[in-house]
Amino acid sequence: MGKLGSKMREEARFRTGWLRVLVLVSVLALLVMSLLGLVLGASGVGAQDVLALLSGGKVAGSARSILVSIRIPRVLGGLLAGAAFASSGALIQAVLDNPLASPNIIGVNSGAGMAVLLVAALTSAGVAVPASLPVAAFLGALLASGLILTVSSRAGVSRLTVVLAGVAVNAVFGAGMNLVLTIAPNAYIGSSSYLVGGLSGVVLGDLLVPAALIVVGIVLALVLAARINVLALGSETAHALGVHVGALRAAGLACASLLAGAAVSFAGLIGFVGLMVPHVAKRFVGQDLRRVIPVSALWGASFTVLADLVARTAFAPYELPVGILMALMGGPFFTWLLMRGKGYRDE
């Protein structure tokens, strides 16, 4: 027993040390991606202008305008949206015990998107105010999550059925968005980019409320993580251990809705970040949600900034919405998961 205990302690120290190294490397990668997002672009603004701005030096008027009005909000928006979508996806997969689940797959993004467009239409008619967009997005995402939770809580419902229910929810809310845009076509400026997901129109003022909600959402997710881990043992075992399974699942989905809704309110319907990133993170840190969430948040932020950088520079002077690039990568990834059988079989 002494040797076994010593070995277990040694393995625990190794895992802790490995996690620290991984987080450190992830933070450094995040900083590099952020700097690249500020430095690279179709205009002539480069590293010298960025360094001058960050150090408080003198920057030409046009360069300052591009950095402050376009690149900085865009990079911050990518960081926030990527962290939010990835954390939301990790939560949803754990709560529903479904590796195919993510905010865009089960309709959470669509619910938030419809709420945003509806409030934008009411705002243009003088009924609502733009500041209510993040709150509306959260409520729309929560509605979609509630519908999926109702389906997943039914006895005998398979994992694939939950995904198919998400497809139905996506279709309904997608039709609702098209209806809003048909009735009030000028309600949301740049709605075509919003529907596929993009960061081209983000301004700093759009990020204040969503940033606060995303920080709150990630903190709540970390608070819930240890208890949500117990759900992996099965509902009966979790209940025997004193966990209120229904309430915990509802709380987890509410937190995931807060994260996804806040991101959708300014970034649009960017998909598949919440599907791909948590899967990759689990390969490195295991299934413990206390580790998966922070690593997913870091990697999701870096991945989204990198994808947006590629989308806006690869075809310069033309720009590809980052949501399209995400779909080009996420579609094959989702198909690969289906072909592997993960999510289809009720394991």
Protein backbone atom coordinates (compact mmCIF):
# COMPACT_ATOMS: atom_id res chain seq x y z
CA MET A 1 0.00 0.00 0.00
CA GLY A 2 2.90 2.33 0.76
CA LYS A 3 4.41 1.90 -2.69
CA LEU A 4 0.98 2.21 -4.34
CA GLY A 5 0.22 5.41 -2.43
CA SER A 6 3.62 6.84 -3.32
CA LYS A 7 3.06 6.04 -6.98
CA MET A 8 -0.38 7.64 -6.98
CA ARG A 9 1.01 10.80 -5.39
CA GLU A 10 3.80 10.88 -7.96
CA GLU A 11 1.28 10.53 -10.81
CA ALA A 12 -0.87 13.30 -9.31
CA ARG A 13 2.16 15.61 -9.11
CA PHE A 14 3.02 14.77 -12.73
CA ARG A 15 -0.51 15.57 -13.90
CA THR A 16 -0.50 18.85 -11.97
CA GLY A 17 2.88 19.81 -13.39
CA TRP A 18 1.77 18.86 -16.91
CA LEU A 19 -1.36 20.97 -16.56
CA ARG A 20 0.64 23.99 -15.42
CA VAL A 21 2.97 23.69 -18.40
CA LEU A 22 0.01 23.27 -20.74
CA VAL A 23 -1.76 26.34 -19.35
CA LEU A 24 1.44 28.39 -19.58
CA VAL A 25 1.98 27.40 -23.20
CA SER A 26 -1.68 28.12 -23.93
CA VAL A 27 -1.42 31.61 -22.44
CA LEU A 28 1.71 32.32 -24.48
CA ALA A 29 -0.06 31.09 -27.63
CA LEU A 30 -2.99 33.35 -26.79
CA LEU A 31 -0.67 36.37 -26.53
CA VAL A 32 1.01 35.49 -29.83
CA MET A 33 -2.33 35.11 -31.63
CA SER A 34 -3.51 38.43 -30.20
CA LEU A 35 -0.38 40.26 -31.35
CA LEU A 36 -0.63 38.70 -34.81
CA GLY A 37 -4.26 39.79 -34.98
CA LEU A 38 -3.19 43.37 -34.24
CA VAL A 39 -0.16 43.42 -36.53
CA LEU A 40 -1.41 41.63 -39.67
CA GLY A 41 -4.03 43.02 -42.00
CA ALA A 42 -4.78 44.34 -45.47
CA SER A 43 -3.76 47.90 -44.56
CA GLY A 44 -0.22 49.16 -44.07
CA VAL A 45 -0.48 49.20 -40.27
CA GLY A 46 2.26 46.97 -38.86
CA ALA A 47 4.27 45.96 -35.84
CA GLN A 48 5.86 49.38 -35.30
CA ASP A 49 2.46 51.08 -35.07
CA VAL A 50 1.17 48.43 -32.66
CA LEU A 51 4.23 48.71 -30.42
CA ALA A 52 3.99 52.50 -30.47
CA LEU A 53 0.32 52.38 -29.50
CA LEU A 54 0.87 49.84 -26.72
CA SER A 55 3.83 51.82 -25.32
CA GLY A 56 1.98 55.12 -25.46
CA GLY A 57 4.12 56.50 -28.28
CA LYS A 58 3.09 58.59 -31.24
CA VAL A 59 1.01 56.85 -33.91
CA ALA A 60 -0.19 58.34 -37.19
CA GLY A 61 -3.86 59.29 -37.20
CA SER A 62 -4.93 56.74 -39.80
CA ALA A 63 -2.96 53.93 -38.14
CA ARG A 64 -4.39 54.78 -34.73
CA SER A 65 -7.90 54.82 -36.14
CA ILE A 66 -7.45 51.39 -37.76
CA LEU A 67 -6.02 49.87 -34.58
CA VAL A 68 -8.48 51.41 -32.11
CA SER A 69 -11.63 51.20 -34.22
CA ILE A 70 -11.08 47.95 -36.13
CA ARG A 71 -8.28 45.63 -35.07
CA ILE A 72 -8.39 45.92 -31.27
CA PRO A 73 -12.19 45.42 -31.06
CA ARG A 74 -11.91 42.57 -33.53
CA VAL A 75 -9.19 40.75 -31.60
CA LEU A 76 -10.98 41.28 -28.28
CA GLY A 77 -14.21 40.09 -29.84
CA GLY A 78 -12.50 36.96 -31.14
CA LEU A 79 -10.97 36.23 -27.75
CA LEU A 80 -14.28 36.65 -25.93
CA ALA A 81 -16.38 34.77 -28.49
CA GLY A 82 -13.93 31.87 -28.74
CA ALA A 83 -13.64 31.46 -24.98
CA ALA A 84 -17.40 31.67 -24.55
CA PHE A 85 -18.36 29.21 -27.31
CA ALA A 86 -15.69 26.67 -26.29
CA SER A 87 -16.64 26.80 -22.60
CA SER A 88 -20.32 26.57 -23.50
CA GLY A 89 -19.68 23.53 -25.67
CA ALA A 90 -17.71 21.77 -22.92
CA LEU A 91 -20.57 22.36 -20.49
CA ILE A 92 -23.26 21.18 -22.90
CA GLN A 93 -21.39 17.99 -23.77
CA ALA A 94 -20.93 17.18 -20.07
CA VAL A 95 -24.48 18.04 -18.99
CA LEU A 96 -26.13 16.13 -21.82
CA ASP A 97 -23.46 13.38 -21.78
CA ASN A 98 -23.32 13.76 -25.56
CA PRO A 99 -20.05 14.27 -27.45
CA LEU A 100 -21.94 15.55 -30.50
CA ALA A 101 -23.58 18.43 -28.63
CA SER A 102 -22.47 22.04 -29.00
CA PRO A 103 -24.20 25.46 -28.97
CA ASN A 104 -24.75 25.50 -32.72
CA ILE A 105 -25.64 21.82 -33.09
CA ILE A 106 -28.49 21.77 -30.56
CA GLY A 107 -29.91 25.18 -31.48
CA VAL A 108 -28.59 27.36 -28.64
CA ASN A 109 -26.92 29.76 -31.08
CA SER A 110 -30.04 29.94 -33.22
CA GLY A 111 -32.24 30.71 -30.24
CA ALA A 112 -29.91 33.53 -29.22
CA GLY A 113 -29.72 34.79 -32.80
CA MET A 114 -33.47 34.97 -33.22
CA ALA A 115 -33.81 36.88 -29.95
CA VAL A 116 -31.13 39.37 -31.04
CA LEU A 117 -32.78 40.00 -34.40
CA LEU A 118 -36.20 40.35 -32.77
CA VAL A 119 -34.94 42.92 -30.27
CA ALA A 120 -33.09 44.73 -33.07
CA ALA A 121 -36.36 44.95 -35.00
CA LEU A 122 -38.18 46.27 -31.94
CA THR A 123 -35.35 48.76 -31.31
CA SER A 124 -35.64 50.12 -34.85
CA ALA A 125 -39.33 50.62 -34.17
CA GLY A 126 -38.55 52.47 -30.92
CA VAL A 127 -39.87 49.71 -28.63
CA ALA A 128 -36.59 48.35 -27.20
CA VAL A 129 -33.04 49.56 -26.59
CA PRO A 130 -29.80 48.16 -28.14
CA ALA A 131 -28.27 47.52 -24.69
CA SER A 132 -30.82 44.75 -24.19
CA LEU A 133 -29.28 42.60 -26.96
CA PRO A 134 -27.02 40.48 -24.69
CA VAL A 135 -29.90 39.84 -22.27
CA ALA A 136 -32.21 38.92 -25.14
CA ALA A 137 -29.57 36.59 -26.57
CA PHE A 138 -29.25 34.83 -23.21
CA LEU A 139 -33.03 34.37 -22.95
CA GLY A 140 -33.24 33.03 -26.51
CA ALA A 141 -30.39 30.61 -25.86
CA LEU A 142 -32.01 29.57 -22.58
CA LEU A 143 -35.27 28.81 -24.38
CA ALA A 144 -33.46 26.57 -26.86
CA SER A 145 -31.56 24.85 -24.05
CA GLY A 146 -34.80 24.25 -22.18
CA LEU A 147 -36.33 22.56 -25.20
CA ILE A 148 -33.30 20.29 -25.59
CA LEU A 149 -33.23 19.50 -21.86
CA THR A 150 -36.88 18.47 -22.05
CA VAL A 151 -36.09 16.08 -24.88
CA SER A 152 -32.93 14.68 -23.28
CA SER A 153 -34.65 14.07 -19.94
CA ARG A 154 -37.17 11.66 -21.48
CA ALA A 155 -36.41 8.02 -20.67
CA GLY A 156 -35.05 6.02 -23.56
CA VAL A 157 -34.05 8.99 -25.72
CA SER A 158 -30.75 8.29 -27.46
CA ARG A 159 -27.87 10.67 -27.98
CA LEU A 160 -28.57 10.86 -31.70
CA THR A 161 -32.19 11.78 -30.99
CA VAL A 162 -30.99 14.76 -28.97
CA VAL A 163 -28.90 15.91 -31.93
CA LEU A 164 -31.86 15.46 -34.28
CA ALA A 165 -33.99 17.48 -31.88
CA GLY A 166 -31.33 20.18 -32.08
CA VAL A 167 -31.62 20.12 -35.87
CA ALA A 168 -35.37 20.71 -35.51
CA VAL A 169 -34.82 23.56 -33.04
CA ASN A 170 -32.27 25.09 -35.41
CA ALA A 171 -34.78 24.90 -38.26
CA VAL A 172 -37.54 26.57 -36.25
CA PHE A 173 -35.38 29.41 -34.97
CA GLY A 174 -33.76 29.79 -38.39
CA ALA A 175 -37.19 30.27 -39.91
CA GLY A 176 -37.96 32.78 -37.17
CA MET A 177 -34.83 34.79 -38.02
CA ASN A 178 -35.73 34.84 -41.68
CA LEU A 179 -39.24 35.96 -40.78
CA VAL A 180 -37.93 38.87 -38.70
CA LEU A 181 -35.58 39.95 -41.49
CA THR A 182 -38.40 39.70 -44.03
CA ILE A 183 -40.73 41.89 -41.99
CA ALA A 184 -38.01 44.34 -40.86
CA PRO A 185 -35.14 44.03 -43.40
CA ASN A 186 -33.29 47.06 -42.02
CA ALA A 187 -33.56 45.96 -38.40
CA TYR A 188 -30.03 44.63 -38.15
CA ILE A 189 -27.21 46.21 -40.11
CA GLY A 190 -24.98 43.56 -41.64
CA SER A 191 -27.47 40.78 -40.94
CA SER A 192 -26.01 38.55 -43.67
CA SER A 193 -22.64 38.57 -41.90
CA TYR A 194 -24.37 38.09 -38.56
CA LEU A 195 -26.22 34.99 -39.74
CA VAL A 196 -23.02 33.21 -40.77
CA GLY A 197 -20.95 34.68 -37.93
CA GLY A 198 -18.34 37.41 -38.22
CA LEU A 199 -16.33 39.99 -36.30
CA SER A 200 -15.96 42.68 -38.96
CA GLY A 201 -18.48 45.08 -37.44
CA VAL A 202 -17.54 44.71 -33.76
CA VAL A 203 -16.84 47.94 -31.85
CA LEU A 204 -15.55 48.32 -28.30
CA GLY A 205 -18.93 49.53 -27.03
CA ASP A 206 -20.52 46.26 -28.15
CA LEU A 207 -18.17 44.24 -25.93
CA LEU A 208 -18.65 45.79 -22.49
CA VAL A 209 -21.81 43.96 -21.37
CA PRO A 210 -21.03 40.66 -23.16
CA ALA A 211 -17.52 40.63 -21.68
CA ALA A 212 -18.93 40.93 -18.16
CA LEU A 213 -21.46 38.17 -18.84
CA ILE A 214 -18.80 35.87 -20.30
CA VAL A 215 -16.52 36.34 -17.28
CA VAL A 216 -19.45 35.58 -14.96
CA GLY A 217 -20.40 32.56 -17.07
CA ILE A 218 -16.92 31.03 -17.00
CA VAL A 219 -16.64 31.56 -13.24
CA LEU A 220 -20.03 29.89 -12.71
CA ALA A 221 -18.99 27.04 -15.01
CA LEU A 222 -15.88 26.42 -12.91
CA VAL A 223 -17.99 26.49 -9.73
CA LEU A 224 -20.37 23.89 -11.18
CA ALA A 225 -17.65 21.77 -12.80
CA ALA A 226 -16.93 19.43 -9.88
CA ARG A 227 -20.60 18.54 -9.40
CA ILE A 228 -21.22 18.16 -13.13
CA ASN A 229 -18.33 15.66 -13.22
CA VAL A 230 -20.46 13.38 -11.06
CA LEU A 231 -23.08 13.17 -13.84
CA ALA A 232 -20.62 11.04 -15.83
CA LEU A 233 -21.23 8.26 -13.29
CA GLY A 234 -24.89 8.07 -14.32
CA SER A 235 -28.04 9.70 -13.01
CA GLU A 236 -28.77 7.04 -10.40
CA THR A 237 -25.24 7.09 -8.97
CA ALA A 238 -25.18 10.90 -8.97
CA HIS A 239 -28.52 10.98 -7.16
CA ALA A 240 -27.24 8.48 -4.61
CA LEU A 241 -24.27 10.78 -3.97
CA GLY A 242 -26.64 13.63 -3.10
CA VAL A 243 -26.67 15.43 -6.45
CA HIS A 244 -29.98 16.88 -7.63
CA VAL A 245 -29.55 15.77 -11.24
CA GLY A 246 -32.39 17.77 -12.78
CA ALA A 247 -31.46 21.03 -11.09
CA LEU A 248 -27.76 20.57 -11.88
CA ARG A 249 -28.44 19.93 -15.56
CA ALA A 250 -30.70 22.98 -15.72
CA ALA A 251 -28.04 25.12 -14.03
CA GLY A 252 -25.33 23.83 -16.38
CA LEU A 253 -27.41 24.55 -19.48
CA ALA A 254 -28.35 27.98 -18.14
CA CYS A 255 -24.66 28.77 -17.69
CA ALA A 256 -23.89 27.47 -21.19
CA SER A 257 -26.73 29.62 -22.55
CA LEU A 258 -25.32 32.69 -20.81
CA LEU A 259 -21.94 32.12 -22.46
CA ALA A 260 -23.26 31.34 -25.93
CA GLY A 261 -25.88 34.10 -25.84
CA ALA A 262 -23.35 36.74 -24.82
CA ALA A 263 -21.05 35.72 -27.69
CA VAL A 264 -23.84 35.57 -30.27
CA SER A 265 -24.98 39.09 -29.33
CA PHE A 266 -21.89 40.61 -30.99
CA ALA A 267 -20.23 37.83 -33.03
CA GLY A 268 -23.26 36.30 -34.70
CA LEU A 269 -23.83 32.62 -35.34
CA ILE A 270 -20.25 31.37 -35.34
CA GLY A 271 -20.46 27.60 -35.16
CA PHE A 272 -18.40 24.51 -34.30
CA VAL A 273 -15.94 26.19 -31.90
CA GLY A 274 -17.92 24.64 -29.06
CA LEU A 275 -17.75 21.24 -30.74
CA MET A 276 -14.13 21.01 -31.89
CA VAL A 277 -12.18 22.73 -29.12
CA PRO A 278 -13.53 20.73 -26.11
CA HIS A 279 -12.81 17.46 -27.93
CA VAL A 280 -9.20 18.46 -28.54
CA ALA A 281 -8.84 19.73 -24.96
CA LYS A 282 -10.05 16.41 -23.56
CA ARG A 283 -7.32 14.63 -25.48
CA PHE A 284 -4.75 16.51 -23.40
CA VAL A 285 -6.37 16.98 -19.98
CA GLY A 286 -8.90 14.16 -19.70
CA GLN A 287 -12.59 14.38 -18.90
CA ASP A 288 -12.40 16.43 -15.69
CA LEU A 289 -14.47 19.53 -16.41
CA ARG A 290 -12.42 21.56 -13.93
CA ARG A 291 -9.53 21.23 -16.39
CA VAL A 292 -11.46 21.05 -19.65
CA ILE A 293 -13.22 24.41 -19.18
CA PRO A 294 -10.17 26.66 -18.61
CA VAL A 295 -8.12 24.92 -21.31
CA SER A 296 -11.06 25.06 -23.73
CA ALA A 297 -11.54 28.76 -23.00
CA LEU A 298 -7.87 29.51 -23.74
CA TRP A 299 -7.74 27.37 -26.87
CA GLY A 300 -11.12 28.58 -28.11
CA ALA A 301 -9.98 32.19 -27.80
CA SER A 302 -6.71 31.54 -29.67
CA PHE A 303 -8.42 29.42 -32.32
CA THR A 304 -11.08 32.02 -33.08
CA VAL A 305 -8.58 34.88 -33.35
CA LEU A 306 -6.40 32.75 -35.65
CA ALA A 307 -9.35 31.72 -37.80
CA ASP A 308 -10.52 35.32 -38.09
CA LEU A 309 -6.99 36.40 -39.01
CA VAL A 310 -6.87 33.81 -41.80
CA ALA A 311 -10.39 34.72 -42.96
CA ARG A 312 -9.57 38.41 -43.35
CA THR A 313 -6.08 38.10 -44.85
CA ALA A 314 -6.09 34.96 -47.03
CA PHE A 315 -8.23 36.57 -49.74
CA ALA A 316 -7.30 40.23 -49.17
CA PRO A 317 -8.62 42.74 -50.12
CA TYR A 318 -11.73 40.54 -49.92
CA GLU A 319 -12.80 39.24 -46.54
CA LEU A 320 -14.34 35.91 -45.64
CA PRO A 321 -16.63 35.87 -42.57
CA VAL A 322 -15.00 33.72 -39.92
CA GLY A 323 -18.22 31.73 -39.52
CA ILE A 324 -17.81 30.34 -43.03
CA LEU A 325 -14.27 29.18 -42.28
CA MET A 326 -15.44 27.57 -39.04
CA ALA A 327 -18.18 25.72 -40.92
CA LEU A 328 -15.67 24.46 -43.49
CA MET A 329 -13.63 22.93 -40.67
CA GLY A 330 -16.45 21.98 -38.31
CA GLY A 331 -18.62 20.14 -40.84
CA PRO A 332 -15.99 17.47 -41.61
CA PHE A 333 -15.13 17.23 -37.90
CA PHE A 334 -18.77 16.56 -37.02
CA THR A 335 -18.98 13.96 -39.79
CA TRP A 336 -15.82 12.30 -38.46
CA LEU A 337 -17.39 12.03 -35.00
CA LEU A 338 -20.48 10.42 -36.50
CA MET A 339 -18.42 7.93 -38.49
CA ARG A 340 -16.47 6.97 -35.37
CA GLY A 341 -19.79 6.14 -33.70
CA LYS A 342 -19.25 8.55 -30.78
CA GLY A 343 -22.57 10.10 -29.98
CA TYR A 344 -24.55 7.54 -31.99
CA ARG A 345 -24.18 4.68 -29.55
CA ASP A 346 -25.69 4.94 -26.10
CA GLU A 347 -22.55 4.05 -24.18
